[in-house]
All heavy atoms as atom14 arrays in JSON, in Angstrom:
{
  "sequence": "GNGALSFRFNYQPLGDNTPRDSYQVLDVWRNKAVHTSVTDSTAKY",
  "atom14_mask": [
    [1, 1, 1, 1, 0, 0, 0, 0, 0, 0, 0, 0, 0, 0],
    [1, 1, 1, 1, 1, 1, 1, 1, 0, 0, 0, 0, 0, 0],
    [1, 1, 1, 1, 0, 0, 0, 0, 0, 0, 0, 0, 0, 0],
    [1, 1, 1, 1, 1, 0, 0, 0, 0, 0, 0, 0, 0, 0],
    [1, 1, 1, 1, 1, 1, 1, 1, 0, 0, 0, 0, 0, 0],
    [1, 1, 1, 1, 1, 1, 0, 0, 0, 0, 0, 0, 0, 0],
    [1, 1, 1, 1, 1, 1, 1, 1, 1, 1, 1, 0, 0, 0],
    [1, 1, 1, 1, 1, 1, 1, 1, 1, 1, 1, 0, 0, 0],
    [1, 1, 1, 1, 1, 1, 1, 1, 1, 1, 1, 0, 0, 0],
    [1, 1, 1, 1, 1, 1, 1, 1, 0, 0, 0, 0, 0, 0],
    [1, 1, 1, 1, 1, 1, 1, 1, 1, 1, 1, 1, 0, 0],
    [1, 1, 1, 1, 1, 1, 1, 1, 1, 0, 0, 0, 0, 0],
    [1, 1, 1, 1, 1, 1, 1, 0, 0, 0, 0, 0, 0, 0],
    [1, 1, 1, 1, 1, 1, 1, 1, 0, 0, 0, 0, 0, 0],
    [1, 1, 1, 1, 0, 0, 0, 0, 0, 0, 0, 0, 0, 0],
    [1, 1, 1, 1, 1, 1, 1, 1, 0, 0, 0, 0, 0, 0],
    [1, 1, 1, 1, 1, 1, 1, 1, 0, 0, 0, 0, 0, 0],
    [1, 1, 1, 1, 1, 1, 1, 0, 0, 0, 0, 0, 0, 0],
    [1, 1, 1, 1, 1, 1, 1, 0, 0, 0, 0, 0, 0, 0],
    [1, 1, 1, 1, 1, 1, 1, 1, 1, 1, 1, 0, 0, 0],
    [1, 1, 1, 1, 1, 1, 1, 1, 0, 0, 0, 0, 0, 0],
    [1, 1, 1, 1, 1, 1, 0, 0, 0, 0, 0, 0, 0, 0],
    [1, 1, 1, 1, 1, 1, 1, 1, 1, 1, 1, 1, 0, 0],
    [1, 1, 1, 1, 1, 1, 1, 1, 1, 0, 0, 0, 0, 0],
    [1, 1, 1, 1, 1, 1, 1, 0, 0, 0, 0, 0, 0, 0],
    [1, 1, 1, 1, 1, 1, 1, 1, 0, 0, 0, 0, 0, 0],
    [1, 1, 1, 1, 1, 1, 1, 1, 0, 0, 0, 0, 0, 0],
    [1, 1, 1, 1, 1, 1, 1, 0, 0, 0, 0, 0, 0, 0],
    [1, 1, 1, 1, 1, 1, 1, 1, 1, 1, 1, 1, 1, 1],
    [1, 1, 1, 1, 1, 1, 1, 1, 1, 1, 1, 0, 0, 0],
    [1, 1, 1, 1, 1, 1, 1, 1, 0, 0, 0, 0, 0, 0],
    [1, 1, 1, 1, 1, 1, 1, 1, 1, 0, 0, 0, 0, 0],
    [1, 1, 1, 1, 1, 0, 0, 0, 0, 0, 0, 0, 0, 0],
    [1, 1, 1, 1, 1, 1, 1, 0, 0, 0, 0, 0, 0, 0],
    [1, 1, 1, 1, 1, 1, 1, 1, 1, 1, 0, 0, 0, 0],
    [1, 1, 1, 1, 1, 1, 1, 0, 0, 0, 0, 0, 0, 0],
    [1, 1, 1, 1, 1, 1, 0, 0, 0, 0, 0, 0, 0, 0],
    [1, 1, 1, 1, 1, 1, 1, 0, 0, 0, 0, 0, 0, 0],
    [1, 1, 1, 1, 1, 1, 1, 0, 0, 0, 0, 0, 0, 0],
    [1, 1, 1, 1, 1, 1, 1, 1, 0, 0, 0, 0, 0, 0],
    [1, 1, 1, 1, 1, 1, 0, 0, 0, 0, 0, 0, 0, 0],
    [1, 1, 1, 1, 1, 1, 1, 0, 0, 0, 0, 0, 0, 0],
    [1, 1, 1, 1, 1, 0, 0, 0, 0, 0, 0, 0, 0, 0],
    [1, 1, 1, 1, 1, 1, 1, 1, 1, 0, 0, 0, 0, 0],
    [1, 1, 1, 1, 1, 1, 1, 1, 1, 1, 1, 1, 0, 0]
  ],
  "atom14_positions": [
    [[106.02, 70.82, 83.68], [106.71, 69.52, 83.7], [106.45, 68.66, 84.92], [106.76, 67.48, 84.89], [0.0, 0.0, 0.0], [0.0, 0.0, 0.0], [0.0, 0.0, 0.0], [0.0, 0.0, 0.0], [0.0, 0.0, 0.0], [0.0, 0.0, 0.0], [0.0, 0.0, 0.0], [0.0, 0.0, 0.0], [0.0, 0.0, 0.0], [0.0, 0.0, 0.0]],
    [[105.87, 69.25, 85.97], [105.73, 68.49, 87.22], [104.53, 67.56, 87.25], [104.42, 66.71, 88.14], [105.6, 69.46, 88.4], [106.96, 69.99, 88.86], [107.98, 69.37, 88.64], [106.96, 71.15, 89.5], [0.0, 0.0, 0.0], [0.0, 0.0, 0.0], [0.0, 0.0, 0.0], [0.0, 0.0, 0.0], [0.0, 0.0, 0.0], [0.0, 0.0, 0.0]],
    [[103.59, 67.72, 86.33], [102.4, 66.88, 86.34], [101.14, 67.71, 86.58], [101.16, 68.94, 86.48], [0.0, 0.0, 0.0], [0.0, 0.0, 0.0], [0.0, 0.0, 0.0], [0.0, 0.0, 0.0], [0.0, 0.0, 0.0], [0.0, 0.0, 0.0], [0.0, 0.0, 0.0], [0.0, 0.0, 0.0], [0.0, 0.0, 0.0], [0.0, 0.0, 0.0]],
    [[100.04, 67.04, 86.92], [98.79, 67.73, 87.22], [98.89, 68.34, 88.61], [99.6, 67.83, 89.49], [97.64, 66.75, 87.16], [0.0, 0.0, 0.0], [0.0, 0.0, 0.0], [0.0, 0.0, 0.0], [0.0, 0.0, 0.0], [0.0, 0.0, 0.0], [0.0, 0.0, 0.0], [0.0, 0.0, 0.0], [0.0, 0.0, 0.0], [0.0, 0.0, 0.0]],
    [[98.19, 69.45, 88.83], [98.27, 70.18, 90.1], [97.07, 69.79, 90.96], [95.92, 69.87, 90.53], [98.26, 71.68, 89.84], [98.37, 72.59, 91.06], [99.69, 72.36, 91.8], [98.24, 74.05, 90.66], [0.0, 0.0, 0.0], [0.0, 0.0, 0.0], [0.0, 0.0, 0.0], [0.0, 0.0, 0.0], [0.0, 0.0, 0.0], [0.0, 0.0, 0.0]],
    [[97.35, 69.38, 92.2], [96.29, 68.96, 93.13], [96.35, 69.83, 94.4], [97.44, 70.12, 94.89], [96.47, 67.49, 93.49], [95.49, 67.08, 94.42], [0.0, 0.0, 0.0], [0.0, 0.0, 0.0], [0.0, 0.0, 0.0], [0.0, 0.0, 0.0], [0.0, 0.0, 0.0], [0.0, 0.0, 0.0], [0.0, 0.0, 0.0], [0.0, 0.0, 0.0]],
    [[95.18, 70.21, 94.91], [95.14, 71.02, 96.14], [93.72, 71.11, 96.67], [92.75, 70.77, 95.97], [95.68, 72.44, 95.87], [95.01, 73.16, 94.74], [93.94, 74.01, 94.96], [95.46, 73.03, 93.43], [93.3, 74.69, 93.92], [94.85, 73.7, 92.38], [93.77, 74.53, 92.62], [0.0, 0.0, 0.0], [0.0, 0.0, 0.0], [0.0, 0.0, 0.0]],
    [[93.59, 71.55, 97.89], [92.29, 71.89, 98.46], [92.14, 73.4, 98.44], [93.03, 74.12, 98.91], [92.17, 71.37, 99.88], [90.84, 71.76, 100.57], [90.75, 71.23, 101.98], [89.5, 71.66, 102.63], [89.13, 71.32, 103.87], [89.92, 70.55, 104.6], [87.99, 71.77, 104.38], [0.0, 0.0, 0.0], [0.0, 0.0, 0.0], [0.0, 0.0, 0.0]],
    [[91.03, 73.88, 97.93], [90.78, 75.32, 97.81], [89.54, 75.64, 98.63], [88.42, 75.32, 98.24], [90.57, 75.68, 96.33], [90.69, 77.14, 96.0], [91.91, 77.7, 95.68], [89.56, 77.95, 95.98], [92.02, 79.05, 95.35], [89.64, 79.29, 95.65], [90.88, 79.84, 95.33], [0.0, 0.0, 0.0], [0.0, 0.0, 0.0], [0.0, 0.0, 0.0]],
    [[89.75, 76.3, 99.77], [88.66, 76.59, 100.69], [88.33, 78.08, 100.61], [89.02, 78.9, 101.21], [89.04, 76.18, 102.11], [87.89, 76.27, 103.07], [86.76, 76.6, 102.7], [88.14, 76.0, 104.35], [0.0, 0.0, 0.0], [0.0, 0.0, 0.0], [0.0, 0.0, 0.0], [0.0, 0.0, 0.0], [0.0, 0.0, 0.0], [0.0, 0.0, 0.0]],
    [[87.27, 78.4, 99.9], [86.83, 79.78, 99.67], [85.77, 80.13, 100.69], [84.69, 79.53, 100.69], [86.31, 79.86, 98.23], [85.79, 81.2, 97.78], [86.63, 82.11, 97.16], [84.44, 81.53, 97.91], [86.13, 83.34, 96.69], [83.94, 82.73, 97.46], [84.8, 83.63, 96.86], [84.3, 84.83, 96.39], [0.0, 0.0, 0.0], [0.0, 0.0, 0.0]],
    [[86.07, 81.12, 101.56], [85.2, 81.4, 102.71], [84.77, 82.87, 102.72], [85.44, 83.73, 103.31], [85.94, 81.09, 104.0], [86.58, 79.71, 104.05], [87.73, 79.63, 105.03], [87.52, 79.85, 106.22], [88.91, 79.34, 104.54], [0.0, 0.0, 0.0], [0.0, 0.0, 0.0], [0.0, 0.0, 0.0], [0.0, 0.0, 0.0], [0.0, 0.0, 0.0]],
    [[83.64, 83.18, 102.08], [83.13, 84.56, 102.12], [82.75, 84.94, 103.54], [82.26, 84.11, 104.31], [81.89, 84.51, 101.22], [82.04, 83.28, 100.39], [82.79, 82.32, 101.26], [0.0, 0.0, 0.0], [0.0, 0.0, 0.0], [0.0, 0.0, 0.0], [0.0, 0.0, 0.0], [0.0, 0.0, 0.0], [0.0, 0.0, 0.0], [0.0, 0.0, 0.0]],
    [[82.98, 86.2, 103.9], [82.67, 86.65, 105.27], [81.23, 87.13, 105.4], [80.75, 87.33, 106.49], [83.64, 87.78, 105.66], [85.12, 87.42, 105.59], [85.96, 88.6, 106.06], [85.43, 86.19, 106.4], [0.0, 0.0, 0.0], [0.0, 0.0, 0.0], [0.0, 0.0, 0.0], [0.0, 0.0, 0.0], [0.0, 0.0, 0.0], [0.0, 0.0, 0.0]],
    [[80.54, 87.27, 104.26], [79.15, 87.71, 104.28], [78.2, 86.56, 104.02], [78.39, 85.43, 104.5], [0.0, 0.0, 0.0], [0.0, 0.0, 0.0], [0.0, 0.0, 0.0], [0.0, 0.0, 0.0], [0.0, 0.0, 0.0], [0.0, 0.0, 0.0], [0.0, 0.0, 0.0], [0.0, 0.0, 0.0], [0.0, 0.0, 0.0], [0.0, 0.0, 0.0]],
    [[77.17, 86.81, 103.2], [76.13, 85.82, 102.94], [76.39, 84.95, 101.72], [75.6, 84.06, 101.41], [74.78, 86.54, 102.76], [74.34, 87.25, 104.02], [74.7, 86.78, 105.11], [73.65, 88.3, 103.9], [0.0, 0.0, 0.0], [0.0, 0.0, 0.0], [0.0, 0.0, 0.0], [0.0, 0.0, 0.0], [0.0, 0.0, 0.0], [0.0, 0.0, 0.0]],
    [[77.47, 85.19, 101.0], [77.76, 84.39, 99.81], [78.1, 82.96, 100.17], [78.48, 82.65, 101.3], [78.9, 85.03, 99.01], [78.5, 86.34, 98.37], [77.32, 86.58, 98.12], [79.48, 87.21, 98.14], [0.0, 0.0, 0.0], [0.0, 0.0, 0.0], [0.0, 0.0, 0.0], [0.0, 0.0, 0.0], [0.0, 0.0, 0.0], [0.0, 0.0, 0.0]],
    [[77.99, 82.08, 99.2], [78.14, 80.65, 99.41], [79.6, 80.23, 99.52], [80.4, 80.53, 98.63], [77.49, 79.87, 98.27], [76.13, 80.27, 98.12], [77.56, 78.37, 98.52], [0.0, 0.0, 0.0], [0.0, 0.0, 0.0], [0.0, 0.0, 0.0], [0.0, 0.0, 0.0], [0.0, 0.0, 0.0], [0.0, 0.0, 0.0], [0.0, 0.0, 0.0]],
    [[79.97, 79.5, 100.59], [81.34, 78.94, 100.67], [81.56, 77.91, 99.58], [80.6, 77.26, 99.12], [81.37, 78.3, 102.06], [80.25, 78.92, 102.8], [79.19, 79.22, 101.78], [0.0, 0.0, 0.0], [0.0, 0.0, 0.0], [0.0, 0.0, 0.0], [0.0, 0.0, 0.0], [0.0, 0.0, 0.0], [0.0, 0.0, 0.0], [0.0, 0.0, 0.0]],
    [[82.81, 77.72, 99.18], [83.15, 76.74, 98.16], [84.43, 76.05, 98.59], [85.47, 76.68, 98.67], [83.32, 77.41, 96.8], [82.09, 78.22, 96.41], [82.32, 79.16, 95.23], [81.23, 80.1, 95.11], [81.02, 80.88, 94.08], [81.85, 80.87, 93.07], [80.0, 81.71, 94.05], [0.0, 0.0, 0.0], [0.0, 0.0, 0.0], [0.0, 0.0, 0.0]],
    [[84.33, 74.78, 98.86], [85.44, 74.04, 99.44], [85.54, 72.7, 98.77], [84.63, 71.86, 98.88], [85.22, 73.89, 100.96], [86.43, 73.33, 101.68], [87.49, 73.16, 101.04], [86.32, 73.06, 102.88], [0.0, 0.0, 0.0], [0.0, 0.0, 0.0], [0.0, 0.0, 0.0], [0.0, 0.0, 0.0], [0.0, 0.0, 0.0], [0.0, 0.0, 0.0]],
    [[86.61, 72.45, 98.06], [86.75, 71.17, 97.36], [88.24, 70.81, 97.19], [89.1, 71.66, 97.18], [86.08, 71.24, 95.98], [86.74, 72.16, 95.14], [0.0, 0.0, 0.0], [0.0, 0.0, 0.0], [0.0, 0.0, 0.0], [0.0, 0.0, 0.0], [0.0, 0.0, 0.0], [0.0, 0.0, 0.0], [0.0, 0.0, 0.0], [0.0, 0.0, 0.0]],
    [[88.46, 69.5, 97.06], [89.74, 69.01, 96.6], [89.67, 69.02, 95.09], [88.65, 68.67, 94.5], [90.01, 67.6, 97.09], [90.16, 67.48, 98.58], [89.13, 66.94, 99.36], [91.33, 67.91, 99.22], [89.27, 66.82, 100.74], [91.47, 67.8, 100.6], [90.44, 67.26, 101.35], [90.57, 67.15, 102.7], [0.0, 0.0, 0.0], [0.0, 0.0, 0.0]],
    [[90.76, 69.4, 94.43], [90.71, 69.45, 92.98], [92.04, 69.04, 92.35], [93.1, 69.19, 92.95], [90.31, 70.83, 92.49], [91.08, 72.0, 93.1], [90.33, 73.3, 92.98], [90.37, 73.98, 91.95], [89.64, 73.7, 94.04], [0.0, 0.0, 0.0], [0.0, 0.0, 0.0], [0.0, 0.0, 0.0], [0.0, 0.0, 0.0], [0.0, 0.0, 0.0]],
    [[91.91, 68.49, 91.17], [93.08, 68.14, 90.36], [92.92, 68.84, 89.03], [91.86, 68.75, 88.38], [93.18, 66.62, 90.14], [94.41, 66.28, 89.3], [93.24, 65.88, 91.47], [0.0, 0.0, 0.0], [0.0, 0.0, 0.0], [0.0, 0.0, 0.0], [0.0, 0.0, 0.0], [0.0, 0.0, 0.0], [0.0, 0.0, 0.0], [0.0, 0.0, 0.0]],
    [[93.95, 69.58, 88.63], [93.9, 70.4, 87.42], [94.96, 69.97, 86.41], [96.13, 69.79, 86.76], [94.1, 71.88, 87.75], [93.1, 72.54, 88.71], [93.5, 73.97, 88.96], [91.71, 72.48, 88.12], [0.0, 0.0, 0.0], [0.0, 0.0, 0.0], [0.0, 0.0, 0.0], [0.0, 0.0, 0.0], [0.0, 0.0, 0.0], [0.0, 0.0, 0.0]],
    [[94.56, 69.82, 85.19], [95.45, 69.63, 84.06], [95.86, 71.04, 83.62], [95.05, 71.75, 82.98], [94.73, 68.89, 82.97], [95.5, 68.8, 81.65], [96.45, 69.58, 81.46], [95.13, 67.97, 80.81], [0.0, 0.0, 0.0], [0.0, 0.0, 0.0], [0.0, 0.0, 0.0], [0.0, 0.0, 0.0], [0.0, 0.0, 0.0], [0.0, 0.0, 0.0]],
    [[97.06, 71.49, 83.97], [97.45, 72.85, 83.66], [97.88, 73.06, 82.22], [98.12, 74.18, 81.79], [98.58, 73.33, 84.62], [98.1, 73.3, 86.06], [99.84, 72.5, 84.45], [0.0, 0.0, 0.0], [0.0, 0.0, 0.0], [0.0, 0.0, 0.0], [0.0, 0.0, 0.0], [0.0, 0.0, 0.0], [0.0, 0.0, 0.0], [0.0, 0.0, 0.0]],
    [[98.02, 71.97, 81.46], [98.41, 72.1, 80.04], [97.19, 72.39, 79.2], [97.23, 73.17, 78.27], [99.04, 70.79, 79.54], [100.02, 70.18, 80.5], [101.28, 70.64, 80.77], [99.81, 69.05, 81.32], [101.85, 69.85, 81.72], [100.98, 68.86, 82.07], [98.75, 68.18, 81.5], [101.12, 67.83, 82.99], [98.87, 67.15, 82.41], [100.06, 66.98, 83.14]],
    [[96.06, 71.68, 79.49], [94.89, 71.8, 78.64], [93.69, 72.38, 79.38], [92.6, 72.4, 78.84], [94.53, 70.4, 78.09], [95.62, 69.81, 77.22], [95.27, 68.41, 76.8], [95.17, 67.48, 77.93], [94.95, 66.16, 77.81], [94.8, 65.64, 76.62], [94.9, 65.4, 78.87], [0.0, 0.0, 0.0], [0.0, 0.0, 0.0], [0.0, 0.0, 0.0]],
    [[93.91, 72.85, 80.61], [92.83, 73.46, 81.42], [91.64, 72.51, 81.56], [90.52, 72.81, 81.11], [92.39, 74.79, 80.83], [93.32, 75.93, 81.26], [94.43, 75.7, 81.71], [92.83, 77.15, 81.12], [0.0, 0.0, 0.0], [0.0, 0.0, 0.0], [0.0, 0.0, 0.0], [0.0, 0.0, 0.0], [0.0, 0.0, 0.0], [0.0, 0.0, 0.0]],
    [[91.87, 71.42, 82.25], [90.81, 70.51, 82.62], [90.81, 70.38, 84.15], [91.83, 70.64, 84.8], [91.02, 69.13, 81.99], [91.02, 69.16, 80.48], [91.14, 67.77, 79.9], [91.09, 67.8, 78.38], [91.11, 66.43, 77.79], [0.0, 0.0, 0.0], [0.0, 0.0, 0.0], [0.0, 0.0, 0.0], [0.0, 0.0, 0.0], [0.0, 0.0, 0.0]],
    [[89.67, 69.95, 84.71], [89.58, 69.92, 86.17], [88.62, 68.88, 86.67], [87.62, 68.58, 86.01], [89.14, 71.31, 86.7], [0.0, 0.0, 0.0], [0.0, 0.0, 0.0], [0.0, 0.0, 0.0], [0.0, 0.0, 0.0], [0.0, 0.0, 0.0], [0.0, 0.0, 0.0], [0.0, 0.0, 0.0], [0.0, 0.0, 0.0], [0.0, 0.0, 0.0]],
    [[88.93, 68.32, 87.85], [88.02, 67.46, 88.58], [88.01, 67.94, 90.03], [89.09, 68.02, 90.67], [88.41, 65.98, 88.53], [87.52, 65.16, 89.46], [88.3, 65.45, 87.1], [0.0, 0.0, 0.0], [0.0, 0.0, 0.0], [0.0, 0.0, 0.0], [0.0, 0.0, 0.0], [0.0, 0.0, 0.0], [0.0, 0.0, 0.0], [0.0, 0.0, 0.0]],
    [[86.84, 68.28, 90.56], [86.67, 68.69, 91.95], [85.97, 67.57, 92.71], [85.04, 66.93, 92.18], [85.81, 69.95, 92.04], [86.45, 71.19, 91.51], [86.72, 72.3, 92.29], [86.87, 71.49, 90.26], [87.26, 73.22, 91.55], [87.37, 72.78, 90.3], [0.0, 0.0, 0.0], [0.0, 0.0, 0.0], [0.0, 0.0, 0.0], [0.0, 0.0, 0.0]],
    [[86.37, 67.37, 93.97], [85.73, 66.4, 94.85], [85.31, 67.1, 96.13], [86.09, 67.83, 96.74], [86.67, 65.24, 95.18], [87.11, 64.62, 93.96], [85.98, 64.22, 96.07], [0.0, 0.0, 0.0], [0.0, 0.0, 0.0], [0.0, 0.0, 0.0], [0.0, 0.0, 0.0], [0.0, 0.0, 0.0], [0.0, 0.0, 0.0], [0.0, 0.0, 0.0]],
    [[84.08, 66.86, 96.57], [83.6, 67.46, 97.83], [84.47, 67.04, 98.98], [84.9, 65.88, 99.06], [82.16, 67.05, 98.04], [81.74, 67.35, 99.36], [0.0, 0.0, 0.0], [0.0, 0.0, 0.0], [0.0, 0.0, 0.0], [0.0, 0.0, 0.0], [0.0, 0.0, 0.0], [0.0, 0.0, 0.0], [0.0, 0.0, 0.0], [0.0, 0.0, 0.0]],
    [[84.69, 67.94, 99.93], [85.49, 67.61, 101.11], [84.67, 66.82, 102.12], [85.22, 66.23, 103.05], [86.06, 68.88, 101.78], [87.0, 69.59, 100.85], [84.94, 69.8, 102.25], [0.0, 0.0, 0.0], [0.0, 0.0, 0.0], [0.0, 0.0, 0.0], [0.0, 0.0, 0.0], [0.0, 0.0, 0.0], [0.0, 0.0, 0.0], [0.0, 0.0, 0.0]],
    [[83.35, 66.78, 101.94], [82.49, 66.08, 102.89], [81.91, 64.78, 102.31], [81.4, 63.94, 103.06], [81.32, 66.98, 103.33], [80.58, 67.41, 102.2], [81.84, 68.2, 104.09], [0.0, 0.0, 0.0], [0.0, 0.0, 0.0], [0.0, 0.0, 0.0], [0.0, 0.0, 0.0], [0.0, 0.0, 0.0], [0.0, 0.0, 0.0], [0.0, 0.0, 0.0]],
    [[81.97, 64.62, 100.99], [81.41, 63.44, 100.36], [82.27, 63.1, 99.15], [82.18, 63.74, 98.12], [79.96, 63.67, 99.95], [79.33, 62.46, 99.26], [80.01, 61.43, 99.12], [78.15, 62.59, 98.86], [0.0, 0.0, 0.0], [0.0, 0.0, 0.0], [0.0, 0.0, 0.0], [0.0, 0.0, 0.0], [0.0, 0.0, 0.0], [0.0, 0.0, 0.0]],
    [[83.09, 62.08, 99.27], [84.04, 61.75, 98.21], [83.38, 61.24, 96.93], [84.02, 61.15, 95.88], [85.03, 60.67, 98.69], [84.36, 59.48, 99.04], [0.0, 0.0, 0.0], [0.0, 0.0, 0.0], [0.0, 0.0, 0.0], [0.0, 0.0, 0.0], [0.0, 0.0, 0.0], [0.0, 0.0, 0.0], [0.0, 0.0, 0.0], [0.0, 0.0, 0.0]],
    [[82.06, 60.93, 96.99], [81.36, 60.5, 95.79], [80.79, 61.67, 95.0], [80.34, 61.51, 93.86], [80.19, 59.56, 96.14], [79.19, 60.27, 96.87], [80.69, 58.38, 96.99], [0.0, 0.0, 0.0], [0.0, 0.0, 0.0], [0.0, 0.0, 0.0], [0.0, 0.0, 0.0], [0.0, 0.0, 0.0], [0.0, 0.0, 0.0], [0.0, 0.0, 0.0]],
    [[80.78, 62.84, 95.59], [80.27, 64.04, 94.92], [81.41, 64.74, 94.19], [82.38, 65.18, 94.83], [79.6, 64.98, 95.93], [0.0, 0.0, 0.0], [0.0, 0.0, 0.0], [0.0, 0.0, 0.0], [0.0, 0.0, 0.0], [0.0, 0.0, 0.0], [0.0, 0.0, 0.0], [0.0, 0.0, 0.0], [0.0, 0.0, 0.0], [0.0, 0.0, 0.0]],
    [[81.27, 64.88, 92.89], [82.34, 65.46, 92.07], [81.76, 66.32, 90.97], [80.57, 66.19, 90.59], [83.18, 64.34, 91.41], [83.88, 63.39, 92.4], [84.58, 62.28, 91.65], [85.24, 61.29, 92.59], [86.42, 61.9, 93.26], [0.0, 0.0, 0.0], [0.0, 0.0, 0.0], [0.0, 0.0, 0.0], [0.0, 0.0, 0.0], [0.0, 0.0, 0.0]],
    [[82.58, 67.22, 90.45], [82.23, 67.95, 89.24], [83.51, 68.3, 88.5], [84.61, 68.2, 89.05], [81.4, 69.19, 89.54], [82.09, 70.31, 90.31], [82.75, 71.34, 89.64], [82.05, 70.35, 91.69], [83.35, 72.36, 90.34], [82.66, 71.38, 92.41], [83.31, 72.39, 91.71], [83.91, 73.4, 92.41], [0.0, 0.0, 0.0], [0.0, 0.0, 0.0]]
  ]
}
């Protein structure tokens, strides 16, 4: 009931795996998502 969920999720592997850091907005009712790069606001997926 609160709306779409927004947060920054900063995934930081301690080894050689790729970091993943983005701002995201999630539709928790229908499982939809938009991610925005933390370094370039025009980069999204």
